[in-house]
């Protein structure tokens, strides 16, 4: 998939899937790559590396982190409701019920860095 627009949105979306060793159990349940293993970069380190290599000076990356997490929460919620309605039968989707609220909470916690209180 390719988009035109702010490439930092793509980075924020990618980092929503990036799991670190210090993440909670809900985030760790999303892990599909070994990003939480010793020696792997943290999300913050990935962001800094991207900035250095791309030349983008994004300033505060918080908006992009929140956007990526909230977007993933919506995707997870859509997959879960399809499972509940019997529109898909993959048993892995049965476990996604509590993940959407957990991701929304993670997004709210990140957003609190910007002063968001709601």
PDB file of N, CA and C in Angstrom:
ATOM      1  N   UNK A   1       0.850  -1.164   0.000  1.00  0.00           N
ATOM      2  CA  UNK A   1       0.000   0.000   0.000  1.00  0.00           C
ATOM      3  C   UNK A   1       0.904   1.238   0.000  1.00  0.00           C
ATOM      4  N   UNK A   2       0.557   2.186  -0.792  1.00  0.00           N
ATOM      5  CA  UNK A   2       1.315   3.432  -0.846  1.00  0.00           C
ATOM      6  C   UNK A   2       0.353   4.595  -0.663  1.00  0.00           C
ATOM      7  N   UNK A   3       0.812   5.596   0.023  1.00  0.00           N
ATOM      8  CA  UNK A   3      -0.012   6.774   0.237  1.00  0.00           C
ATOM      9  C   UNK A   3       0.796   8.012  -0.105  1.00  0.00           C
ATOM     10  N   UNK A   4       0.089   9.066  -0.396  1.00  0.00           N
ATOM     11  CA  UNK A   4       0.696  10.377  -0.552  1.00  0.00           C
ATOM     12  C   UNK A   4       0.288  11.174   0.668  1.00  0.00           C
ATOM     13  N   UNK A   5       1.205  11.841   1.238  1.00  0.00           N
ATOM     14  CA  UNK A   5       0.886  12.617   2.424  1.00  0.00           C
ATOM     15  C   UNK A   5       2.051  12.582   3.382  1.00  0.00           C
ATOM     16  N   UNK A   6       1.746  12.755   4.617  1.00  0.00           N
ATOM     17  CA  UNK A   6       2.754  12.833   5.656  1.00  0.00           C
ATOM     18  C   UNK A   6       3.331  11.447   5.931  1.00  0.00           C
ATOM     19  N   UNK A   7       4.604  11.205   5.618  1.00  0.00           N
ATOM     20  CA  UNK A   7       5.189   9.879   5.852  1.00  0.00           C
ATOM     21  C   UNK A   7       5.285   9.520   7.328  1.00  0.00           C
ATOM     22  N   UNK A   8       5.205  10.512   8.206  1.00  0.00           N
ATOM     23  CA  UNK A   8       5.243  10.204   9.632  1.00  0.00           C
ATOM     24  C   UNK A   8       3.974   9.493  10.092  1.00  0.00           C
ATOM     25  N   UNK A   9       2.877   9.654   9.349  1.00  0.00           N
ATOM     26  CA  UNK A   9       1.660   8.871   9.631  1.00  0.00           C
ATOM     27  C   UNK A   9       1.983   7.395   9.436  1.00  0.00           C
ATOM     28  N   UNK A  10       2.682   7.067   8.360  1.00  0.00           N
ATOM     29  CA  UNK A  10       3.053   5.669   8.119  1.00  0.00           C
ATOM     30  C   UNK A  10       3.958   5.146   9.234  1.00  0.00           C
ATOM     31  N   UNK A  11       4.872   5.962   9.699  1.00  0.00           N
ATOM     32  CA  UNK A  11       5.742   5.540  10.794  1.00  0.00           C
ATOM     33  C   UNK A  11       4.921   5.323  12.064  1.00  0.00           C
ATOM     34  N   UNK A  12       4.012   6.226  12.357  1.00  0.00           N
ATOM     35  CA  UNK A  12       3.143   6.063  13.529  1.00  0.00           C
ATOM     36  C   UNK A  12       2.307   4.796  13.443  1.00  0.00           C
ATOM     37  N   UNK A  13       1.782   4.512  12.254  1.00  0.00           N
ATOM     38  CA  UNK A  13       1.007   3.282  12.066  1.00  0.00           C
ATOM     39  C   UNK A  13       1.880   2.050  12.279  1.00  0.00           C
ATOM     40  N   UNK A  14       3.078   2.079  11.752  1.00  0.00           N
ATOM     41  CA  UNK A  14       3.989   0.943  11.910  1.00  0.00           C
ATOM     42  C   UNK A  14       4.358   0.723  13.374  1.00  0.00           C
ATOM     43  N   UNK A  15       4.600   1.800  14.083  1.00  0.00           N
ATOM     44  CA  UNK A  15       5.018   1.672  15.472  1.00  0.00           C
ATOM     45  C   UNK A  15       3.892   1.228  16.390  1.00  0.00           C
ATOM     46  N   UNK A  16       2.643   1.343  15.950  1.00  0.00           N
ATOM     47  CA  UNK A  16       1.533   0.823  16.746  1.00  0.00           C
ATOM     48  C   UNK A  16       1.641  -0.693  16.884  1.00  0.00           C
ATOM     49  N   UNK A  17       2.264  -1.332  15.913  1.00  0.00           N
ATOM     50  CA  UNK A  17       2.469  -2.781  15.945  1.00  0.00           C
ATOM     51  C   UNK A  17       3.783  -3.169  16.629  1.00  0.00           C
ATOM     52  N   UNK A  18       4.628  -2.191  16.938  1.00  0.00           N
ATOM     53  CA  UNK A  18       5.952  -2.439  17.500  1.00  0.00           C
ATOM     54  C   UNK A  18       5.809  -2.693  18.991  1.00  0.00           C
ATOM     55  N   UNK A  19       6.157  -3.867  19.436  1.00  0.00           N
ATOM     56  CA  UNK A  19       6.009  -4.248  20.832  1.00  0.00           C
ATOM     57  C   UNK A  19       7.372  -4.201  21.514  1.00  0.00           C
ATOM     58  N   UNK A  20       7.404  -3.598  22.693  1.00  0.00           N
ATOM     59  CA  UNK A  20       8.630  -3.498  23.488  1.00  0.00           C
ATOM     60  C   UNK A  20       8.541  -4.431  24.690  1.00  0.00           C
ATOM     61  N   UNK A  21       9.682  -4.749  25.261  1.00  0.00           N
ATOM     62  CA  UNK A  21       9.738  -5.645  26.416  1.00  0.00           C
ATOM     63  C   UNK A  21       8.957  -5.094  27.609  1.00  0.00           C
ATOM     64  N   UNK A  22       8.841  -3.773  27.733  1.00  0.00           N
ATOM     65  CA  UNK A  22       8.154  -3.189  28.889  1.00  0.00           C
ATOM     66  C   UNK A  22       6.675  -2.893  28.628  1.00  0.00           C
ATOM     67  N   UNK A  23       6.131  -3.354  27.510  1.00  0.00           N
ATOM     68  CA  UNK A  23       4.711  -3.149  27.213  1.00  0.00           C
ATOM     69  C   UNK A  23       3.836  -4.054  28.072  1.00  0.00           C
ATOM     70  N   UNK A  24       2.581  -3.649  28.240  1.00  0.00           N
ATOM     71  CA  UNK A  24       1.649  -4.458  29.019  1.00  0.00           C
ATOM     72  C   UNK A  24       1.223  -5.709  28.240  1.00  0.00           C
ATOM     73  N   UNK A  25       0.441  -6.561  28.880  1.00  0.00           N
ATOM     74  CA  UNK A  25       0.083  -7.853  28.275  1.00  0.00           C
ATOM     75  C   UNK A  25      -0.767  -7.695  27.026  1.00  0.00           C
ATOM     76  N   UNK A  26      -1.558  -6.641  26.937  1.00  0.00           N
ATOM     77  CA  UNK A  26      -2.381  -6.452  25.745  1.00  0.00           C
ATOM     78  C   UNK A  26      -1.517  -6.113  24.536  1.00  0.00           C
ATOM     79  N   UNK A  27      -0.576  -5.208  24.722  1.00  0.00           N
ATOM     80  CA  UNK A  27       0.325  -4.870  23.623  1.00  0.00           C
ATOM     81  C   UNK A  27       1.181  -6.080  23.248  1.00  0.00           C
ATOM     82  N   UNK A  28       1.638  -6.810  24.247  1.00  0.00           N
ATOM     83  CA  UNK A  28       2.478  -7.971  23.969  1.00  0.00           C
ATOM     84  C   UNK A  28       1.696  -9.045  23.215  1.00  0.00           C
ATOM     85  N   UNK A  29       0.378  -9.099  23.416  1.00  0.00           N
ATOM     86  CA  UNK A  29      -0.451 -10.076  22.703  1.00  0.00           C
ATOM     87  C   UNK A  29      -0.537  -9.756  21.205  1.00  0.00           C
ATOM     88  N   UNK A  30      -0.245  -8.528  20.826  1.00  0.00           N
ATOM     89  CA  UNK A  30      -0.276  -8.119  19.423  1.00  0.00           C
ATOM     90  C   UNK A  30       1.013  -8.458  18.680  1.00  0.00           C
ATOM     91  N   UNK A  31       2.022  -8.875  19.410  1.00  0.00           N
ATOM     92  CA  UNK A  31       3.348  -9.063  18.815  1.00  0.00           C
ATOM     93  C   UNK A  31       3.313 -10.085  17.681  1.00  0.00           C
ATOM     94  N   UNK A  32       3.838  -9.672  16.537  1.00  0.00           N
ATOM     95  CA  UNK A  32       3.963 -10.552  15.371  1.00  0.00           C
ATOM     96  C   UNK A  32       5.420 -10.665  14.913  1.00  0.00           C
ATOM     97  N   UNK A  33       6.265  -9.768  15.399  1.00  0.00           N
ATOM     98  CA  UNK A  33       7.687  -9.780  15.088  1.00  0.00           C
ATOM     99  C   UNK A  33       8.442  -9.785  16.419  1.00  0.00           C
ATOM    100  N   UNK A  34       9.707 -10.142  16.417  1.00  0.00           N
ATOM    101  CA  UNK A  34      10.473 -10.206  17.673  1.00  0.00           C
ATOM    102  C   UNK A  34      10.991  -8.843  18.131  1.00  0.00           C
ATOM    103  N   UNK A  35      10.164  -7.820  18.064  1.00  0.00           N
ATOM    104  CA  UNK A  35      10.602  -6.471  18.391  1.00  0.00           C
ATOM    105  C   UNK A  35      10.824  -6.256  19.883  1.00  0.00           C
ATOM    106  N   UNK A  36      10.402  -7.201  20.713  1.00  0.00           N
ATOM    107  CA  UNK A  36      10.562  -7.062  22.157  1.00  0.00           C
ATOM    108  C   UNK A  36      11.783  -7.800  22.696  1.00  0.00           C
ATOM    109  N   UNK A  37      12.580  -8.346  21.819  1.00  0.00           N
ATOM    110  CA  UNK A  37      13.745  -9.137  22.221  1.00  0.00           C
ATOM    111  C   UNK A  37      14.941  -8.230  22.553  1.00  0.00           C
ATOM    112  N   UNK A  38      15.838  -8.729  23.401  1.00  0.00           N
ATOM    113  CA  UNK A  38      17.038  -7.947  23.732  1.00  0.00           C
ATOM    114  C   UNK A  38      17.797  -7.536  22.463  1.00  0.00           C
ATOM    115  N   UNK A  39      18.204  -6.289  22.446  1.00  0.00           N
ATOM    116  CA  UNK A  39      18.960  -5.766  21.317  1.00  0.00           C
ATOM    117  C   UNK A  39      18.105  -5.065  20.267  1.00  0.00           C
ATOM    118  N   UNK A  40      16.786  -5.247  20.327  1.00  0.00           N
ATOM    119  CA  UNK A  40      15.911  -4.570  19.366  1.00  0.00           C
ATOM    120  C   UNK A  40      15.717  -3.120  19.799  1.00  0.00           C
ATOM    121  N   UNK A  41      15.503  -2.265  18.833  1.00  0.00           N
ATOM    122  CA  UNK A  41      15.274  -0.855  19.129  1.00  0.00           C
ATOM    123  C   UNK A  41      13.919  -0.667  19.805  1.00  0.00           C
ATOM    124  N   UNK A  42      13.824   0.338  20.653  1.00  0.00           N
ATOM    125  CA  UNK A  42      12.539   0.733  21.213  1.00  0.00           C
ATOM    126  C   UNK A  42      11.806   1.593  20.181  1.00  0.00           C
ATOM    127  N   UNK A  43      10.536   1.862  20.409  1.00  0.00           N
ATOM    128  CA  UNK A  43       9.796   2.749  19.499  1.00  0.00           C
ATOM    129  C   UNK A  43      10.470   4.113  19.419  1.00  0.00           C
ATOM    130  N   UNK A  44      10.919   4.599  20.545  1.00  0.00           N
ATOM    131  CA  UNK A  44      11.591   5.899  20.572  1.00  0.00           C
ATOM    132  C   UNK A  44      12.875   5.869  19.743  1.00  0.00           C
ATOM    133  N   UNK A  45      13.628   4.787  19.858  1.00  0.00           N
ATOM    134  CA  UNK A  45      14.866   4.657  19.083  1.00  0.00           C
ATOM    135  C   UNK A  45      14.585   4.509  17.591  1.00  0.00           C
ATOM    136  N   UNK A  46      13.519   3.795  17.247  1.00  0.00           N
ATOM    137  CA  UNK A  46      13.136   3.668  15.832  1.00  0.00           C
ATOM    138  C   UNK A  46      12.782   5.034  15.270  1.00  0.00           C
ATOM    139  N   UNK A  47      12.018   5.793  16.041  1.00  0.00           N
ATOM    140  CA  UNK A  47      11.614   7.134  15.607  1.00  0.00           C
ATOM    141  C   UNK A  47      12.834   8.018  15.394  1.00  0.00           C
ATOM    142  N   UNK A  48      13.756   7.991  16.328  1.00  0.00           N
ATOM    143  CA  UNK A  48      14.963   8.808  16.199  1.00  0.00           C
ATOM    144  C   UNK A  48      15.803   8.362  15.004  1.00  0.00           C
ATOM    145  N   UNK A  49      15.940   7.064  14.819  1.00  0.00           N
ATOM    146  CA  UNK A  49      16.689   6.537  13.675  1.00  0.00           C
ATOM    147  C   UNK A  49      16.044   6.991  12.362  1.00  0.00           C
ATOM    148  N   UNK A  50      14.718   6.910  12.301  1.00  0.00           N
ATOM    149  CA  UNK A  50      13.991   7.347  11.108  1.00  0.00           C
ATOM    150  C   UNK A  50      14.251   8.826  10.837  1.00  0.00           C
ATOM    151  N   UNK A  51      14.177   9.628  11.877  1.00  0.00           N
ATOM    152  CA  UNK A  51      14.421  11.069  11.716  1.00  0.00           C
ATOM    153  C   UNK A  51      15.828  11.335  11.183  1.00  0.00           C
ATOM    154  N   UNK A  52      16.814  10.648  11.736  1.00  0.00           N
ATOM    155  CA  UNK A  52      18.198  10.848  11.303  1.00  0.00           C
ATOM    156  C   UNK A  52      18.401  10.432   9.853  1.00  0.00           C
ATOM    157  N   UNK A  53      17.864   9.281   9.484  1.00  0.00           N
ATOM    158  CA  UNK A  53      18.082   8.750   8.137  1.00  0.00           C
ATOM    159  C   UNK A  53      17.249   9.465   7.080  1.00  0.00           C
ATOM    160  N   UNK A  54      16.045   9.924   7.442  1.00  0.00           N
ATOM    161  CA  UNK A  54      15.157  10.528   6.447  1.00  0.00           C
ATOM    162  C   UNK A  54      15.344  12.036   6.321  1.00  0.00           C
ATOM    163  N   UNK A  55      15.851  12.647   7.382  1.00  0.00           N
ATOM    164  CA  UNK A  55      15.981  14.093   7.369  1.00  0.00           C
ATOM    165  C   UNK A  55      14.731  14.823   7.835  1.00  0.00           C
ATOM    166  N   UNK A  56      13.685  14.078   8.180  1.00  0.00           N
ATOM    167  CA  UNK A  56      12.469  14.715   8.689  1.00  0.00           C
ATOM    168  C   UNK A  56      12.705  15.179  10.114  1.00  0.00           C
ATOM    169  N   UNK A  57      12.398  16.426  10.371  1.00  0.00           N
ATOM    170  CA  UNK A  57      12.473  16.969  11.722  1.00  0.00           C
ATOM    171  C   UNK A  57      11.035  17.145  12.208  1.00  0.00           C
ATOM    172  N   UNK A  58      10.502  16.099  12.783  1.00  0.00           N
ATOM    173  CA  UNK A  58       9.081  16.076  13.115  1.00  0.00           C
ATOM    174  C   UNK A  58       8.738  16.814  14.393  1.00  0.00           C
ATOM    175  N   UNK A  59       9.726  17.195  15.159  1.00  0.00           N
ATOM    176  CA  UNK A  59       9.404  17.793  16.441  1.00  0.00           C
ATOM    177  C   UNK A  59       8.806  16.725  17.340  1.00  0.00           C
ATOM    178  N   UNK A  60       7.689  17.040  17.962  1.00  0.00           N
ATOM    179  CA  UNK A  60       7.026  16.092  18.851  1.00  0.00           C
ATOM    180  C   UNK A  60       6.289  15.042  18.020  1.00  0.00           C
ATOM    181  N   UNK A  61       6.615  13.781  18.237  1.00  0.00           N
ATOM    182  CA  UNK A  61       6.046  12.668  17.477  1.00  0.00           C
ATOM    183  C   UNK A  61       4.748  12.136  18.109  1.00  0.00           C
ATOM    184  N   UNK A  62       4.309  12.728  19.214  1.00  0.00           N
ATOM    185  CA  UNK A  62       3.168  12.214  19.974  1.00  0.00           C
ATOM    186  C   UNK A  62       1.923  12.056  19.124  1.00  0.00           C
ATOM    187  N   UNK A  63       1.597  13.035  18.301  1.00  0.00           N
ATOM    188  CA  UNK A  63       0.394  12.940  17.457  1.00  0.00           C
ATOM    189  C   UNK A  63       0.412  11.662  16.635  1.00  0.00           C
ATOM    190  N   UNK A  64       1.548  11.339  16.054  1.00  0.00           N
ATOM    191  CA  UNK A  64       1.660  10.176  15.179  1.00  0.00           C
ATOM    192  C   UNK A  64       1.537   8.865  15.957  1.00  0.00           C
ATOM    193  N   UNK A  65       2.071   8.861  17.178  1.00  0.00           N
ATOM    194  CA  UNK A  65       1.915   7.681  18.032  1.00  0.00           C
ATOM    195  C   UNK A  65       0.440   7.456  18.367  1.00  0.00           C
ATOM    196  N   UNK A  66      -0.249   8.521  18.748  1.00  0.00           N
ATOM    197  CA  UNK A  66      -1.670   8.425  19.098  1.00  0.00           C
ATOM    198  C   UNK A  66      -2.476   7.975  17.888  1.00  0.00           C
ATOM    199  N   UNK A  67      -2.230   8.586  16.753  1.00  0.00           N
ATOM    200  CA  UNK A  67      -2.956   8.226  15.535  1.00  0.00           C
ATOM    201  C   UNK A  67      -2.776   6.741  15.225  1.00  0.00           C
ATOM    202  N   UNK A  68      -1.541   6.242  15.271  1.00  0.00           N
ATOM    203  CA  UNK A  68      -1.273   4.837  14.966  1.00  0.00           C
ATOM    204  C   UNK A  68      -1.973   3.891  15.928  1.00  0.00           C
ATOM    205  N   UNK A  69      -1.920   4.190  17.218  1.00  0.00           N
ATOM    206  CA  UNK A  69      -2.571   3.339  18.215  1.00  0.00           C
ATOM    207  C   UNK A  69      -4.085   3.340  18.055  1.00  0.00           C
ATOM    208  N   UNK A  70      -4.662   4.530  17.860  1.00  0.00           N
ATOM    209  CA  UNK A  70      -6.112   4.608  17.709  1.00  0.00           C
ATOM    210  C   UNK A  70      -6.560   3.912  16.429  1.00  0.00           C
ATOM    211  N   UNK A  71      -5.813   4.072  15.364  1.00  0.00           N
ATOM    212  CA  UNK A  71      -6.124   3.394  14.096  1.00  0.00           C
ATOM    213  C   UNK A  71      -6.116   1.883  14.288  1.00  0.00           C
ATOM    214  N   UNK A  72      -5.098   1.374  14.992  1.00  0.00           N
ATOM    215  CA  UNK A  72      -5.031  -0.061  15.233  1.00  0.00           C
ATOM    216  C   UNK A  72      -6.188  -0.526  16.116  1.00  0.00           C
ATOM    217  N   UNK A  73      -6.592   0.286  17.084  1.00  0.00           N
ATOM    218  CA  UNK A  73      -7.751  -0.054  17.916  1.00  0.00           C
ATOM    219  C   UNK A  73      -9.001  -0.221  17.061  1.00  0.00           C
ATOM    220  N   UNK A  74      -9.190   0.650  16.092  1.00  0.00           N
ATOM    221  CA  UNK A  74     -10.350   0.567  15.192  1.00  0.00           C
ATOM    222  C   UNK A  74     -10.271  -0.705  14.346  1.00  0.00           C
ATOM    223  N   UNK A  75      -9.096  -1.024  13.838  1.00  0.00           N
ATOM    224  CA  UNK A  75      -8.918  -2.239  13.032  1.00  0.00           C
ATOM    225  C   UNK A  75      -9.235  -3.484  13.869  1.00  0.00           C
ATOM    226  N   UNK A  76      -8.697  -3.526  15.085  1.00  0.00           N
ATOM    227  CA  UNK A  76      -8.931  -4.673  15.982  1.00  0.00           C
ATOM    228  C   UNK A  76     -10.422  -4.794  16.297  1.00  0.00           C
ATOM    229  N   UNK A  77     -11.073  -3.682  16.560  1.00  0.00           N
ATOM    230  CA  UNK A  77     -12.506  -3.706  16.870  1.00  0.00           C
ATOM    231  C   UNK A  77     -13.303  -4.232  15.685  1.00  0.00           C
ATOM    232  N   UNK A  78     -12.940  -3.840  14.488  1.00  0.00           N
ATOM    233  CA  UNK A  78     -13.629  -4.301  13.280  1.00  0.00           C
ATOM    234  C   UNK A  78     -13.442  -5.805  13.094  1.00  0.00           C
ATOM    235  N   UNK A  79     -12.240  -6.296  13.316  1.00  0.00           N
ATOM    236  CA  UNK A  79     -11.987  -7.737  13.196  1.00  0.00           C
ATOM    237  C   UNK A  79     -12.782  -8.505  14.244  1.00  0.00           C
ATOM    238  N   UNK A  80     -12.803  -8.007  15.470  1.00  0.00           N
ATOM    239  CA  UNK A  80     -13.505  -8.694  16.546  1.00  0.00           C
ATOM    240  C   UNK A  80     -15.009  -8.756  16.298  1.00  0.00           C
ATOM    241  N   UNK A  81     -15.614  -7.667  15.876  1.00  0.00           N
ATOM    242  CA  UNK A  81     -17.072  -7.683  15.653  1.00  0.00           C
ATOM    243  C   UNK A  81     -17.425  -8.611  14.500  1.00  0.00           C
ATOM    244  N   UNK A  82     -16.574  -8.705  13.509  1.00  0.00           N
ATOM    245  CA  UNK A  82     -16.809  -9.666  12.424  1.00  0.00           C
ATOM    246  C   UNK A  82     -16.794 -11.092  12.969  1.00  0.00           C
ATOM    247  N   UNK A  83     -15.888 -11.363  13.909  1.00  0.00           N
ATOM    248  CA  UNK A  83     -15.835 -12.678  14.520  1.00  0.00           C
ATOM    249  C   UNK A  83     -17.113 -12.947  15.337  1.00  0.00           C
ATOM    250  N   UNK A  84     -17.511 -11.978  16.153  1.00  0.00           N
ATOM    251  CA  UNK A  84     -18.713 -12.117  16.993  1.00  0.00           C
ATOM    252  C   UNK A  84     -19.951 -12.357  16.136  1.00  0.00           C
ATOM    253  N   UNK A  85     -20.046 -11.705  15.005  1.00  0.00           N
ATOM    254  CA  UNK A  85     -21.202 -11.846  14.108  1.00  0.00           C
ATOM    255  C   UNK A  85     -21.131 -13.101  13.236  1.00  0.00           C
ATOM    256  N   UNK A  86     -20.050 -13.866  13.352  1.00  0.00           N
ATOM    257  CA  UNK A  86     -19.912 -15.089  12.568  1.00  0.00           C
ATOM    258  C   UNK A  86     -19.486 -14.852  11.132  1.00  0.00           C
ATOM    259  N   UNK A  87     -18.982 -13.650  10.839  1.00  0.00           N
ATOM    260  CA  UNK A  87     -18.559 -13.320   9.482  1.00  0.00           C
ATOM    261  C   UNK A  87     -17.147 -13.808   9.185  1.00  0.00           C
ATOM    262  N   UNK A  88     -16.437 -14.255  10.210  1.00  0.00           N
ATOM    263  CA  UNK A  88     -15.133 -14.894  10.084  1.00  0.00           C
ATOM    264  C   UNK A  88     -15.019 -15.902  11.213  1.00  0.00           C
ATOM    265  N   UNK A  89     -14.236 -16.927  11.016  1.00  0.00           N
ATOM    266  CA  UNK A  89     -14.183 -17.989  12.018  1.00  0.00           C
ATOM    267  C   UNK A  89     -12.790 -18.231  12.572  1.00  0.00           C
ATOM    268  N   UNK A  90     -11.842 -17.406  12.241  1.00  0.00           N
ATOM    269  CA  UNK A  90     -10.481 -17.583  12.741  1.00  0.00           C
ATOM    270  C   UNK A  90     -10.500 -17.487  14.273  1.00  0.00           C
ATOM    271  N   UNK A  91     -10.134 -18.550  14.975  1.00  0.00           N
ATOM    272  CA  UNK A  91     -10.220 -18.534  16.439  1.00  0.00           C
ATOM    273  C   UNK A  91      -9.313 -17.495  17.113  1.00  0.00           C
ATOM    274  N   UNK A  92      -8.285 -17.037  16.429  1.00  0.00           N
ATOM    275  CA  UNK A  92      -7.429 -15.983  17.012  1.00  0.00           C
ATOM    276  C   UNK A  92      -8.218 -14.704  17.254  1.00  0.00           C
ATOM    277  N   UNK A  93      -9.244 -14.464  16.441  1.00  0.00           N
ATOM    278  CA  UNK A  93     -10.019 -13.232  16.552  1.00  0.00           C
ATOM    279  C   UNK A  93     -10.886 -13.198  17.805  1.00  0.00           C
ATOM    280  N   UNK A  94     -11.174 -14.355  18.391  1.00  0.00           N
ATOM    281  CA  UNK A  94     -11.970 -14.405  19.616  1.00  0.00           C
ATOM    282  C   UNK A  94     -11.263 -13.708  20.772  1.00  0.00           C
ATOM    283  N   UNK A  95      -9.948 -13.642  20.714  1.00  0.00           N
ATOM    284  CA  UNK A  95      -9.150 -13.055  21.788  1.00  0.00           C
ATOM    285  C   UNK A  95      -9.008 -11.542  21.668  1.00  0.00           C
ATOM    286  N   UNK A  96      -9.536 -10.957  20.624  1.00  0.00           N
ATOM    287  CA  UNK A  96      -9.305  -9.535  20.358  1.00  0.00           C
ATOM    288  C   UNK A  96     -10.280  -8.605  21.052  1.00  0.00           C
ATOM    289  N   UNK A  97     -11.299  -9.140  21.708  1.00  0.00           N
ATOM    290  CA  UNK A  97     -12.298  -8.304  22.379  1.00  0.00           C
ATOM    291  C   UNK A  97     -11.713  -7.244  23.289  1.00  0.00           C
ATOM    292  N   UNK A  98     -10.858  -7.615  24.238  1.00  0.00           N
ATOM    293  CA  UNK A  98     -10.329  -6.595  25.153  1.00  0.00           C
ATOM    294  C   UNK A  98      -9.188  -5.759  24.573  1.00  0.00           C
ATOM    295  N   UNK A  99      -8.717  -6.104  23.399  1.00  0.00           N
ATOM    296  CA  UNK A  99      -7.563  -5.384  22.848  1.00  0.00           C
ATOM    297  C   UNK A  99      -7.913  -3.989  22.347  1.00  0.00           C
ATOM    298  N   UNK A 100      -9.094  -3.813  21.764  1.00  0.00           N
ATOM    299  CA  UNK A 100      -9.454  -2.481  21.251  1.00  0.00           C
ATOM    300  C   UNK A 100      -9.513  -1.455  22.378  1.00  0.00           C
ATOM    301  N   UNK A 101     -10.198  -1.740  23.500  1.00  0.00           N
ATOM    302  CA  UNK A 101     -10.172  -0.765  24.599  1.00  0.00           C
ATOM    303  C   UNK A 101      -8.767  -0.549  25.170  1.00  0.00           C
ATOM    304  N   UNK A 102      -7.955  -1.609  25.209  1.00  0.00           N
ATOM    305  CA  UNK A 102      -6.583  -1.468  25.719  1.00  0.00           C
ATOM    306  C   UNK A 102      -5.763  -0.551  24.814  1.00  0.00           C
ATOM    307  N   UNK A 103      -5.935  -0.685  23.500  1.00  0.00           N
ATOM    308  CA  UNK A 103      -5.225   0.191  22.563  1.00  0.00           C
ATOM    309  C   UNK A 103      -5.722   1.630  22.662  1.00  0.00           C
ATOM    310  N   UNK A 104      -7.035   1.794  22.825  1.00  0.00           N
ATOM    311  CA  UNK A 104      -7.584   3.145  22.982  1.00  0.00           C
ATOM    312  C   UNK A 104      -7.035   3.787  24.257  1.00  0.00           C
ATOM    313  N   UNK A 105      -6.918   2.999  25.322  1.00  0.00           N
ATOM    314  CA  UNK A 105      -6.337   3.511  26.562  1.00  0.00           C
ATOM    315  C   UNK A 105      -4.870   3.875  26.364  1.00  0.00           C
ATOM    316  N   UNK A 106      -4.131   3.032  25.653  1.00  0.00           N
ATOM    317  CA  UNK A 106      -2.727   3.342  25.363  1.00  0.00           C
ATOM    318  C   UNK A 106      -2.623   4.640  24.577  1.00  0.00           C
ATOM    319  N   UNK A 107      -3.511   4.834  23.609  1.00  0.00           N
ATOM    320  CA  UNK A 107      -3.510   6.076  22.826  1.00  0.00           C
ATOM    321  C   UNK A 107      -3.795   7.268  23.730  1.00  0.00           C
ATOM    322  N   UNK A 108      -4.746   7.118  24.659  1.00  0.00           N
ATOM    323  CA  UNK A 108      -5.068   8.212  25.580  1.00  0.00           C
ATOM    324  C   UNK A 108      -3.893   8.524  26.497  1.00  0.00           C
ATOM    325  N   UNK A 109      -3.182   7.489  26.933  1.00  0.00           N
ATOM    326  CA  UNK A 109      -2.011   7.710  27.790  1.00  0.00           C
ATOM    327  C   UNK A 109      -0.916   8.458  27.032  1.00  0.00           C
ATOM    328  N   UNK A 110      -0.695   8.099  25.788  1.00  0.00           N
ATOM    329  CA  UNK A 110       0.297   8.812  24.980  1.00  0.00           C
ATOM    330  C   UNK A 110      -0.176  10.256  24.751  1.00  0.00           C
ATOM    331  N   UNK A 111      -1.472  10.413  24.469  1.00  0.00           N
ATOM    332  CA  UNK A 111      -2.025  11.754  24.207  1.00  0.00           C
ATOM    333  C   UNK A 111      -1.901  12.659  25.431  1.00  0.00           C
ATOM    334  N   UNK A 112      -1.868  12.066  26.608  1.00  0.00           N
ATOM    335  CA  UNK A 112      -1.752  12.890  27.823  1.00  0.00           C
ATOM    336  C   UNK A 112      -0.464  13.698  27.819  1.00  0.00           C
ATOM    337  N   UNK A 113       0.538  13.261  27.042  1.00  0.00           N
ATOM    338  CA  UNK A 113       1.782  14.041  26.906  1.00  0.00           C
ATOM    339  C   UNK A 113       1.517  15.392  26.250  1.00  0.00           C
ATOM    340  N   UNK A 114       0.428  15.444  25.465  1.00  0.00           N
ATOM    341  CA  UNK A 114       0.073  16.701  24.791  1.00  0.00           C
ATOM    342  C   UNK A 114      -0.893  17.527  25.635  1.00  0.00           C
ATOM    343  N   UNK A 115      -1.225  17.035  26.810  1.00  0.00           N
ATOM    344  CA  UNK A 115      -2.148  17.749  27.679  1.00  0.00           C
ATOM    345  C   UNK A 115      -3.589  17.300  27.516  1.00  0.00           C
ATOM    346  N   UNK A 116      -3.838  16.276  26.712  1.00  0.00           N
ATOM    347  CA  UNK A 116      -5.189  15.763  26.520  1.00  0.00           C
ATOM    348  C   UNK A 116      -5.646  15.094  27.814  1.00  0.00           C
ATOM    349  N   UNK A 117      -6.839  15.421  28.260  1.00  0.00           N
ATOM    350  CA  UNK A 117      -7.333  14.878  29.533  1.00  0.00           C
ATOM    351  C   UNK A 117      -8.579  14.006  29.357  1.00  0.00           C
ATOM    352  N   UNK A 118      -9.134  13.900  28.156  1.00  0.00           N
ATOM    353  CA  UNK A 118     -10.420  13.228  27.967  1.00  0.00           C
ATOM    354  C   UNK A 118     -10.403  11.841  27.611  1.00  0.00           C
TER     355      UNK A 118
END
